[in-house]
Amino acid sequence: MSIDWKKYKNSPFYDELIQPSGEARRHSQQLAGFLASLNDEELSTARAAAELAIKEMGITFTVYGEGSTIDRAWPIDIVPRVIAKKEWDFVEAGLKQRVEALNLFINDLYHDQKIIKDGIFPAELLAKSVNFRPQCVGVSPPKGIWAHICGSDLVRDDKGTIYVLEDNLRVPSGVSYMIENRSVMKRVFPELFENNDILPVHDYPSQLFDMLAAMSPRPDDAPEVVVLTPGIYNSAYFEHCYLAQEMGCELVEGRDLVVNDDDCVYMKTIYGLKRVDVIYRRIDDLFLDPEAFNPESTLGVAGLIRAWKKGNVALVNAPGAGVADDKVVYSYVPEIIKYYLDEEIKLPNVPTYKCMDKADRQYVIEHIDELVVKPANESGGYGLLIGPKSTKKEQQECIKRIKADPRNYIAQPTLSLSTVPTLVDSHVEGRHVDLRPFILSAGDNTQVTTGGLTRVALVKGSLVVNSSQGGGSKDTWIVDGEDE
């Protein structure tokens, strides 16, 4: 018995692979035909091979809970997501536009704040921002880039329209899993990569290193680039190790670095101190430097911000970039793009209600059972209220929180997220997905990954795709060929 796409039920959702008629979308026909040719045993063998590859390669993620940490094997589904290159070209242009405007916005907030003076962005919103860093006011990072690495989450609705759900500009994670998903799929289905023109993702580490090197304050010398990790107990530690290894950089913790009297950063080695030019930091702002931020932090390096302000070291992403990593700021991105670039937004935002606006707040309270309510600065799916799936008690508690701090909440319609066929036992069922591509900004050029990390809600009917809450992942293929 093999997969019968005619029996695949994807209505009422937009399915990325199969049309409502049961026919594969034009750019997915080779994949759909190949999967349909496999019997139950072959599908089971392929899934087992993927799980074995994950274990052999040591691909893990960490779940926190109940006062403990658990390392788990990274969950991957062997049915990939496929997107036509023509459509991806449009998405790529939209992401580049977005990140360019956001970098201009962040730079403006730490300098002249023209967008506030011109009445486009509310001063009240900035005043209550938990990620605005007064310590960064007046600093000018190389080439005006604050968010060198951005991971923007994309979703598709039931009509096939792609929206930006949020922007991750602080310490975006997940790119290593994007690359490793591809490695696993090449092991499981090597023949698919011989017969399909699938754009590569394995060049990301070299692109990342080139971008980091371009930020060096000593451009004439071979730059010393390091990856700064909080340590082995961080949920993204696998990624920190992976990227450092792939780039040929040292993986360091705060105790491995020191800022000397010359306001330069040095790495402790067995040969003595070695100057560091660029730090790809995977530590949140407040723990970066006990001299500038949290004095109790043991994760960072005393004097690091002082060295950065003097221009002696580049920090990627720059401290303070998270001011734009705020779901309320997100709602202003169309206006931000118009203000700085004089362009209309290419990739639309999901329609958003701002609870700090009185009329919007009243609408949210009256329709809370229909909406998704989000706190401004939570991540990982935490703090969400999904109205249609919530209880009356949960709704009332959420309303209390909104009234107590309206600036901290937005609400959006409950989108009918697109689906991708996902292997369940020996058959396929549609599961909801999102997508996180990664954008690298070096000032003179911007690069977008050809695809990204597709996260899938493995629980039937669930909209929560985060791995920490039961989600999984898929390889994402950008292929030549047009959609309908």
Protein backbone atom coordinates (compact mmCIF):
# COMPACT_ATOMS: atom_id res chain seq x y z
CA MET A 1 0.00 0.00 0.00
CA SER A 2 1.33 3.47 -0.88
CA ILE A 3 0.25 7.06 -0.34
CA ASP A 4 -2.92 7.86 -2.31
CA TRP A 5 -3.07 11.61 -2.76
CA LYS A 6 -6.69 11.40 -3.91
CA LYS A 7 -7.62 10.36 -0.38
CA TYR A 8 -5.52 13.07 1.25
CA LYS A 9 -7.84 15.50 3.05
CA ASN A 10 -6.47 19.03 3.17
CA SER A 11 -9.66 21.12 3.06
CA PRO A 12 -10.39 23.79 4.27
CA PHE A 13 -6.70 24.71 4.55
CA TYR A 14 -4.25 25.71 1.86
CA ASP A 15 -1.91 22.77 1.41
CA GLU A 16 1.63 23.47 0.25
CA LEU A 17 1.98 20.20 -1.67
CA ILE A 18 -1.46 18.99 -2.81
CA GLN A 19 -4.32 20.89 -4.44
CA PRO A 20 -7.95 20.35 -3.32
CA SER A 21 -8.41 18.14 -6.41
CA GLY A 22 -5.84 15.69 -5.05
CA GLU A 23 -3.33 16.65 -7.74
CA ALA A 24 0.14 17.77 -6.72
CA ARG A 25 1.02 21.41 -7.21
CA ARG A 26 3.14 21.90 -10.30
CA HIS A 27 6.41 22.48 -8.43
CA SER A 28 5.74 19.46 -6.16
CA GLN A 29 4.85 16.84 -8.76
CA GLN A 30 8.17 14.96 -8.70
CA LEU A 31 8.15 14.73 -4.92
CA ALA A 32 4.49 13.68 -4.73
CA GLY A 33 5.03 11.03 -7.41
CA PHE A 34 8.08 9.64 -5.62
CA LEU A 35 6.31 9.44 -2.26
CA ALA A 36 3.30 7.74 -3.86
CA SER A 37 5.62 5.07 -5.28
CA LEU A 38 6.79 3.98 -1.79
CA ASN A 39 5.00 1.22 0.06
CA ASP A 40 4.40 1.10 3.82
CA GLU A 41 7.63 -0.74 4.54
CA GLU A 42 9.71 1.70 2.51
CA LEU A 43 8.10 4.70 4.26
CA SER A 44 8.70 3.10 7.66
CA THR A 45 12.32 2.36 6.74
CA ALA A 46 12.85 5.95 5.58
CA ARG A 47 11.47 7.36 8.83
CA ALA A 48 13.64 5.00 10.89
CA ALA A 49 16.67 6.05 8.83
CA ALA A 50 15.94 9.72 9.57
CA GLU A 51 15.63 9.04 13.30
CA LEU A 52 18.88 7.07 13.29
CA ALA A 53 20.67 9.86 11.41
CA ILE A 54 19.47 12.39 14.00
CA LYS A 55 20.92 10.27 16.80
CA GLU A 56 24.20 9.57 14.98
CA MET A 57 24.68 13.25 14.18
CA GLY A 58 23.85 14.25 17.76
CA ILE A 59 21.19 16.78 16.74
CA THR A 60 19.40 17.76 19.95
CA PHE A 61 17.41 20.56 21.53
CA THR A 62 16.82 21.32 25.19
CA VAL A 63 13.47 21.52 26.96
CA TYR A 64 13.19 23.35 30.28
CA GLY A 65 10.55 22.43 32.82
CA GLU A 66 9.87 21.45 36.42
CA GLY A 67 13.29 22.73 37.46
CA SER A 68 15.18 20.40 35.12
CA THR A 69 16.60 20.36 31.61
CA ILE A 70 16.09 17.54 29.13
CA ASP A 71 18.02 17.00 25.92
CA ARG A 72 15.88 15.46 23.21
CA ALA A 73 16.54 14.25 19.70
CA TRP A 74 15.54 16.86 17.13
CA PRO A 75 12.13 15.91 15.60
CA ILE A 76 12.00 15.87 11.79
CA ASP A 77 9.25 14.71 9.45
CA ILE A 78 10.49 13.16 6.21
CA VAL A 79 7.92 14.81 3.91
CA PRO A 80 9.58 18.10 2.89
CA ARG A 81 7.90 21.41 2.24
CA VAL A 82 8.29 22.66 -1.34
CA ILE A 83 8.11 26.29 -2.53
CA ALA A 84 8.51 27.48 -6.12
CA LYS A 85 11.55 29.68 -6.73
CA LYS A 86 9.47 32.33 -8.49
CA GLU A 87 7.41 32.79 -5.34
CA TRP A 88 10.52 32.70 -3.16
CA ASP A 89 12.11 35.51 -5.17
CA PHE A 90 9.18 37.69 -4.14
CA VAL A 91 9.48 36.60 -0.49
CA GLU A 92 13.22 37.33 -0.54
CA ALA A 93 12.66 40.85 -1.86
CA GLY A 94 10.08 41.48 0.86
CA LEU A 95 12.39 40.27 3.61
CA LYS A 96 15.28 42.42 2.38
CA GLN A 97 13.01 45.47 2.32
CA ARG A 98 11.82 44.74 5.82
CA VAL A 99 15.25 44.30 7.39
CA GLU A 100 16.66 47.38 5.67
CA ALA A 101 13.87 49.54 7.10
CA LEU A 102 14.16 47.98 10.58
CA ASN A 103 17.89 48.70 10.74
CA LEU A 104 17.24 52.33 9.78
CA PHE A 105 14.51 52.46 12.43
CA ILE A 106 16.75 51.08 15.19
CA ASN A 107 19.56 53.46 14.25
CA ASP A 108 17.15 56.40 14.32
CA LEU A 109 15.83 55.46 17.78
CA TYR A 110 19.35 55.54 19.21
CA HIS A 111 20.16 58.85 17.56
CA ASP A 112 17.78 61.61 16.41
CA GLN A 113 14.43 59.78 16.83
CA LYS A 114 13.07 61.55 13.77
CA ILE A 115 10.28 59.01 13.33
CA ILE A 116 8.93 60.02 16.75
CA LYS A 117 9.34 63.75 16.12
CA ASP A 118 7.47 63.38 12.83
CA GLY A 119 4.54 61.71 14.61
CA ILE A 120 4.83 58.32 12.88
CA PHE A 121 5.85 56.26 15.90
CA PRO A 122 4.47 56.96 19.41
CA ALA A 123 6.93 58.19 22.02
CA GLU A 124 4.90 56.30 24.64
CA LEU A 125 5.67 53.02 22.88
CA LEU A 126 9.41 53.61 23.09
CA ALA A 127 9.21 54.85 26.68
CA LYS A 128 7.73 51.52 27.78
CA SER A 129 9.94 49.32 25.63
CA VAL A 130 11.66 46.61 27.68
CA ASN A 131 14.33 46.15 25.00
CA PHE A 132 15.40 49.76 24.48
CA ARG A 133 18.89 50.15 25.94
CA PRO A 134 19.80 53.69 27.07
CA GLN A 135 23.41 52.49 27.22
CA CYS A 136 23.36 52.32 23.38
CA VAL A 137 22.18 55.87 22.71
CA GLY A 138 24.58 57.65 20.36
CA VAL A 139 26.45 54.48 19.34
CA SER A 140 27.01 53.97 15.61
CA PRO A 141 27.77 50.32 14.76
CA PRO A 142 29.73 49.59 11.55
CA LYS A 143 27.71 50.51 8.42
CA GLY A 144 24.71 51.39 10.58
CA ILE A 145 23.74 47.74 11.00
CA TRP A 146 22.22 46.74 14.33
CA ALA A 147 20.36 43.56 13.37
CA HIS A 148 22.95 41.69 11.32
CA ILE A 149 20.99 38.44 11.61
CA CYS A 150 17.22 38.38 11.51
CA GLY A 151 14.87 35.42 11.60
CA SER A 152 11.41 36.47 10.40
CA ASP A 153 8.56 34.01 10.91
CA LEU A 154 6.27 33.55 7.90
CA VAL A 155 2.83 31.96 7.67
CA ARG A 156 0.43 31.30 4.81
CA ASP A 157 -3.35 31.62 5.14
CA ASP A 158 -6.17 29.62 3.58
CA LYS A 159 -6.05 31.75 0.43
CA GLY A 160 -2.34 31.12 -0.09
CA THR A 161 -1.18 34.60 0.98
CA ILE A 162 2.16 34.73 2.80
CA TYR A 163 2.33 37.00 5.86
CA VAL A 164 5.15 37.97 8.21
CA LEU A 165 4.06 36.85 11.67
CA GLU A 166 6.95 38.37 13.63
CA ASP A 167 10.59 39.48 13.41
CA ASN A 168 13.31 38.02 15.62
CA LEU A 169 16.13 40.56 15.92
CA ARG A 170 17.78 39.78 19.25
CA VAL A 171 19.38 36.33 19.17
CA PRO A 172 17.44 34.42 16.47
CA SER A 173 18.01 30.68 16.57
CA GLY A 174 17.20 27.62 14.48
CA VAL A 175 19.45 27.99 11.44
CA SER A 176 21.58 24.96 12.36
CA TYR A 177 18.47 22.79 12.31
CA MET A 178 17.62 24.11 8.85
CA ILE A 179 21.02 22.91 7.62
CA GLU A 180 20.94 19.60 9.48
CA ASN A 181 17.43 18.83 8.21
CA ARG A 182 18.87 18.99 4.71
CA SER A 183 21.74 16.66 5.66
CA VAL A 184 19.29 14.13 7.07
CA MET A 185 17.07 14.26 3.99
CA LYS A 186 20.06 13.69 1.70
CA ARG A 187 20.83 10.54 3.67
CA VAL A 188 17.24 9.29 3.57
CA PHE A 189 16.27 10.18 -0.03
CA PRO A 190 19.49 10.77 -2.00
CA GLU A 191 17.72 10.05 -5.28
CA LEU A 192 15.42 13.04 -4.81
CA PHE A 193 18.39 15.39 -4.81
CA GLU A 194 19.67 13.86 -8.05
CA ASN A 195 16.37 14.40 -9.87
CA ASN A 196 15.20 17.73 -8.43
CA ASP A 197 16.78 21.17 -8.76
CA ILE A 198 16.71 22.04 -5.04
CA LEU A 199 18.52 25.23 -4.05
CA PRO A 200 21.25 24.69 -1.41
CA VAL A 201 21.32 25.82 2.22
CA HIS A 202 24.76 24.53 3.27
CA ASP A 203 26.50 27.76 2.22
CA TYR A 204 24.97 29.62 5.18
CA PRO A 205 27.96 29.19 7.56
CA SER A 206 30.36 30.66 4.98
CA GLN A 207 27.94 33.53 4.31
CA LEU A 208 27.65 34.10 8.06
CA PHE A 209 31.42 34.17 8.51
CA ASP A 210 31.87 36.60 5.60
CA MET A 211 29.29 38.92 7.13
CA LEU A 212 30.91 38.70 10.57
CA ALA A 213 34.38 39.33 9.12
CA ALA A 214 33.06 42.38 7.25
CA MET A 215 32.18 43.95 10.64
CA SER A 216 35.78 43.77 11.91
CA PRO A 217 37.28 47.04 13.19
CA ARG A 218 40.62 45.91 11.69
CA PRO A 219 39.66 45.24 8.04
CA ASP A 220 43.27 44.96 6.87
CA ASP A 221 44.03 42.02 9.14
CA ALA A 222 42.57 38.52 9.22
CA PRO A 223 39.77 39.04 11.75
CA GLU A 224 39.49 36.96 14.89
CA VAL A 225 35.82 35.94 15.12
CA VAL A 226 34.39 34.08 18.12
CA VAL A 227 30.98 32.70 19.06
CA LEU A 228 30.00 33.68 22.61
CA THR A 229 27.73 31.12 24.29
CA PRO A 230 26.10 31.12 27.75
CA GLY A 231 27.25 27.50 28.07
CA ILE A 232 26.10 23.92 27.86
CA TYR A 233 22.80 24.47 29.66
CA ASN A 234 21.45 26.86 27.04
CA SER A 235 18.67 25.40 24.88
CA ALA A 236 20.50 26.43 21.68
CA TYR A 237 23.94 25.14 22.73
CA PHE A 238 23.91 22.59 19.91
CA GLU A 239 23.58 25.45 17.44
CA HIS A 240 26.36 27.49 19.06
CA CYS A 241 28.76 24.53 18.74
CA TYR A 242 27.61 23.72 15.23
CA LEU A 243 28.08 27.21 13.81
CA ALA A 244 31.44 27.74 15.52
CA GLN A 245 32.69 24.46 14.11
CA GLU A 246 31.34 25.13 10.61
CA MET A 247 32.90 28.61 10.52
CA GLY A 248 36.21 27.49 12.01
CA CYS A 249 35.80 29.91 14.92
CA GLU A 250 36.46 29.53 18.62
CA LEU A 251 33.43 28.84 20.83
CA VAL A 252 33.93 30.87 24.00
CA GLU A 253 32.17 31.64 27.26
CA GLY A 254 32.39 34.93 29.10
CA ARG A 255 35.20 33.65 31.34
CA ASP A 256 37.35 33.05 28.23
CA LEU A 257 37.40 36.76 27.33
CA VAL A 258 38.78 39.85 29.02
CA VAL A 259 38.73 43.59 28.28
CA ASN A 260 42.10 45.21 28.97
CA ASP A 261 42.99 48.79 29.80
CA ASP A 262 43.25 49.59 26.08
CA ASP A 263 39.49 48.89 25.80
CA CYS A 264 40.11 45.97 23.45
CA VAL A 265 38.73 42.45 23.91
CA TYR A 266 41.14 39.54 24.27
CA MET A 267 40.69 35.79 24.29
CA LYS A 268 42.65 33.73 26.82
CA THR A 269 44.71 31.05 25.06
CA ILE A 270 47.53 28.73 26.13
CA TYR A 271 49.85 31.10 24.25
CA GLY A 272 48.62 34.20 26.06
CA LEU A 273 46.02 36.82 25.18
CA LYS A 274 44.79 37.10 21.58
CA ARG A 275 42.78 40.09 20.39
CA VAL A 276 39.17 39.46 19.29
CA ASP A 277 37.63 41.56 16.53
CA VAL A 278 34.09 40.23 16.16
CA ILE A 279 31.84 38.51 18.69
CA TYR A 280 28.81 36.61 17.44
CA ARG A 281 27.05 36.72 20.75
CA ARG A 282 24.33 34.25 21.70
CA ILE A 283 23.74 35.90 25.08
CA ASP A 284 20.88 38.29 25.78
CA ASP A 285 21.69 41.99 26.22
CA LEU A 286 21.23 42.14 29.98
CA PHE A 287 23.80 39.42 30.61
CA LEU A 288 26.46 40.67 28.18
CA ASP A 289 28.37 43.00 30.44
CA PRO A 290 27.99 43.27 34.24
CA GLU A 291 29.63 46.68 34.04
CA ALA A 292 26.91 48.09 31.74
CA PHE A 293 23.85 45.92 32.44
CA ASN A 294 23.09 43.31 35.11
CA PRO A 295 25.90 43.50 37.70
CA GLU A 296 25.08 39.97 38.85
CA SER A 297 25.72 38.40 35.45
CA THR A 298 28.48 35.79 35.28
CA LEU A 299 27.81 34.97 31.61
CA GLY A 300 29.22 38.10 30.02
CA VAL A 301 32.44 40.10 29.97
CA ALA A 302 33.06 43.18 32.11
CA GLY A 303 33.87 46.15 29.88
CA LEU A 304 32.49 44.60 26.68
CA ILE A 305 30.10 47.49 25.98
CA ARG A 306 32.90 49.97 26.65
CA ALA A 307 35.05 48.24 24.01
CA TRP A 308 32.12 48.15 21.59
CA LYS A 309 31.40 51.85 22.02
CA LYS A 310 35.06 52.67 21.33
CA GLY A 311 34.79 50.74 18.06
CA ASN A 312 37.38 48.17 19.11
CA VAL A 313 35.12 45.15 18.73
CA ALA A 314 31.97 44.35 16.74
CA LEU A 315 29.01 42.73 18.50
CA VAL A 316 26.58 40.77 16.35
CA ASN A 317 23.69 41.37 16.77
CA ALA A 318 24.33 44.78 18.29
CA PRO A 319 23.06 45.36 21.83
CA GLY A 320 19.78 47.23 21.70
CA ALA A 321 18.63 45.72 18.40
CA GLY A 322 15.81 44.05 20.32
CA VAL A 323 13.95 47.37 20.49
CA ALA A 324 12.46 46.34 17.13
CA ASP A 325 11.89 42.75 18.33
CA ASP A 326 8.59 43.68 19.90
CA LYS A 327 5.18 42.56 18.70
CA VAL A 328 3.73 46.05 19.15
CA VAL A 329 6.59 47.59 17.14
CA TYR A 330 5.87 44.86 14.56
CA SER A 331 2.43 46.36 13.97
CA TYR A 332 4.12 49.60 12.83
CA VAL A 333 6.41 47.99 10.23
CA PRO A 334 4.28 49.09 7.23
CA GLU A 335 4.60 52.71 8.44
CA ILE A 336 8.32 52.21 9.19
CA ILE A 337 8.96 50.99 5.63
CA LYS A 338 6.99 53.87 4.17
CA TYR A 339 8.82 56.42 6.36
CA TYR A 340 12.40 55.29 5.73
CA LEU A 341 12.22 53.79 2.24
CA ASP A 342 9.18 55.59 0.76
CA GLU A 343 7.87 52.20 -0.39
CA GLU A 344 4.76 50.14 0.24
CA ILE A 345 5.33 46.97 2.21
CA LYS A 346 5.89 43.93 -0.03
CA LEU A 347 5.28 41.12 2.45
CA PRO A 348 2.21 42.04 4.49
CA ASN A 349 1.84 41.88 8.24
CA VAL A 350 -0.93 39.80 9.76
CA PRO A 351 -3.76 42.27 10.60
CA THR A 352 -3.03 43.39 14.16
CA TYR A 353 -4.99 45.08 16.94
CA LYS A 354 -2.93 47.22 19.33
CA CYS A 355 -4.33 46.96 22.86
CA MET A 356 -2.75 50.31 23.76
CA ASP A 357 -5.25 51.84 21.33
CA LYS A 358 -8.59 52.31 23.12
CA ALA A 359 -10.81 51.27 20.19
CA ASP A 360 -8.62 48.27 19.36
CA ARG A 361 -8.54 47.24 23.01
CA GLN A 362 -12.33 47.31 23.27
CA TYR A 363 -12.64 45.20 20.12
CA VAL A 364 -10.15 42.65 21.47
CA ILE A 365 -12.01 42.37 24.78
CA GLU A 366 -15.34 41.88 23.01
CA HIS A 367 -13.96 39.31 20.52
CA ILE A 368 -11.33 37.60 22.66
CA ASP A 369 -12.80 34.17 21.93
CA GLU A 370 -12.02 34.70 18.22
CA LEU A 371 -8.51 36.16 18.41
CA VAL A 372 -4.93 35.19 19.21
CA VAL A 373 -3.62 37.46 21.96
CA LYS A 374 0.16 37.86 22.30
CA PRO A 375 2.38 39.58 24.87
CA ALA A 376 4.84 42.00 23.27
CA ASN A 377 8.11 40.30 24.14
CA GLU A 378 7.51 36.62 24.86
CA SER A 379 8.83 33.96 22.48
CA GLY A 380 8.62 30.21 22.00
CA GLY A 381 4.83 30.23 21.99
CA TYR A 382 4.65 31.21 25.68
CA GLY A 383 2.04 33.62 26.97
CA LEU A 384 -0.28 33.13 23.98
CA LEU A 385 -4.03 32.97 24.26
CA ILE A 386 -5.58 31.22 21.27
CA GLY A 387 -9.16 32.41 21.64
CA PRO A 388 -11.09 29.61 19.91
CA LYS A 389 -9.20 26.97 21.94
CA SER A 390 -9.32 28.76 25.29
CA THR A 391 -11.70 28.48 28.27
CA LYS A 392 -13.85 31.31 29.60
CA LYS A 393 -11.61 31.45 32.68
CA GLU A 394 -8.47 31.82 30.56
CA GLN A 395 -10.16 34.56 28.52
CA GLN A 396 -11.13 36.53 31.62
CA GLU A 397 -7.62 36.24 33.04
CA CYS A 398 -6.21 37.49 29.76
CA ILE A 399 -8.60 40.46 29.75
CA LYS A 400 -7.36 41.39 33.25
CA ARG A 401 -3.76 41.34 32.03
CA ILE A 402 -4.64 43.47 29.00
CA LYS A 403 -6.40 46.08 31.15
CA ALA A 404 -3.49 46.16 33.61
CA ASP A 405 -0.86 46.71 30.90
CA PRO A 406 -2.44 47.40 27.48
CA ARG A 407 0.90 48.41 25.92
CA ASN A 408 2.14 44.85 26.40
CA TYR A 409 -0.47 43.14 24.21
CA ILE A 410 -1.57 42.80 20.62
CA ALA A 411 -4.22 40.56 19.08
CA GLN A 412 -4.56 39.00 15.65
CA PRO A 413 -7.18 36.96 13.82
CA THR A 414 -6.85 33.20 14.18
CA LEU A 415 -5.36 32.37 10.80
CA SER A 416 -6.12 29.12 9.03
CA LEU A 417 -2.45 28.24 8.68
CA SER A 418 -1.37 26.28 5.63
CA THR A 419 -0.61 22.59 5.94
CA VAL A 420 1.97 20.17 4.61
CA PRO A 421 1.44 16.38 4.38
CA THR A 422 3.07 14.77 7.41
CA LEU A 423 3.75 11.09 7.99
CA VAL A 424 1.48 9.64 10.67
CA ASP A 425 2.03 5.90 11.12
CA SER A 426 1.91 4.62 7.52
CA HIS A 427 -0.21 7.38 6.00
CA VAL A 428 -0.05 11.17 5.63
CA GLU A 429 -2.17 13.84 7.27
CA GLY A 430 -2.02 17.62 6.94
CA ARG A 431 -0.27 19.46 9.77
CA HIS A 432 0.04 23.22 10.21
CA VAL A 433 3.40 24.87 9.52
CA ASP A 434 5.27 28.14 9.71
CA LEU A 435 8.66 29.09 8.24
CA ARG A 436 11.67 30.96 9.60
CA PRO A 437 14.10 32.16 6.92
CA PHE A 438 17.27 33.96 8.01
CA ILE A 439 18.49 37.29 6.64
CA LEU A 440 22.13 38.40 6.87
CA SER A 441 22.87 42.13 6.61
CA ALA A 442 26.40 43.40 6.06
CA GLY A 443 25.53 46.93 4.98
CA ASP A 444 26.60 46.66 1.36
CA ASN A 445 24.74 43.42 0.70
CA THR A 446 21.89 41.40 2.19
CA GLN A 447 21.45 37.65 1.82
CA VAL A 448 18.39 35.52 2.51
CA THR A 449 18.56 31.78 3.03
CA THR A 450 17.01 29.77 0.18
CA GLY A 451 14.22 28.47 2.34
CA GLY A 452 14.45 28.31 6.09
CA LEU A 453 13.40 26.29 9.09
CA THR A 454 9.90 24.91 8.58
CA ARG A 455 8.33 24.11 11.93
CA VAL A 456 5.33 21.79 12.02
CA ALA A 457 2.66 21.24 14.66
CA LEU A 458 2.80 17.46 14.98
CA VAL A 459 -0.37 17.34 17.10
CA LYS A 460 -3.46 17.13 14.92
CA GLY A 461 -5.28 20.48 14.73
CA SER A 462 -2.64 22.31 16.77
CA LEU A 463 -1.31 25.70 15.70
CA VAL A 464 1.69 25.58 18.09
CA VAL A 465 4.79 24.64 16.11
CA ASN A 466 7.53 25.23 18.71
CA SER A 467 9.68 22.17 19.40
CA SER A 468 9.58 22.90 23.13
CA GLN A 469 5.81 22.43 23.00
CA GLY A 470 5.56 19.30 20.87
CA GLY A 471 6.33 20.70 17.43
CA GLY A 472 8.67 19.23 14.83
CA SER A 473 10.40 20.34 11.65
CA LYS A 474 10.66 19.69 7.93
CA ASP A 475 13.27 20.28 5.27
CA THR A 476 12.29 23.24 3.08
CA TRP A 477 12.91 23.00 -0.66
CA ILE A 478 13.06 25.97 -3.00
CA VAL A 479 12.77 24.47 -6.46
CA ASP A 480 12.71 25.84 -10.00
CA GLY A 481 9.21 25.62 -11.40
CA GLU A 482 6.11 27.77 -11.12
CA ASP A 483 3.11 27.38 -8.89
CA GLU A 484 -0.41 27.50 -10.25
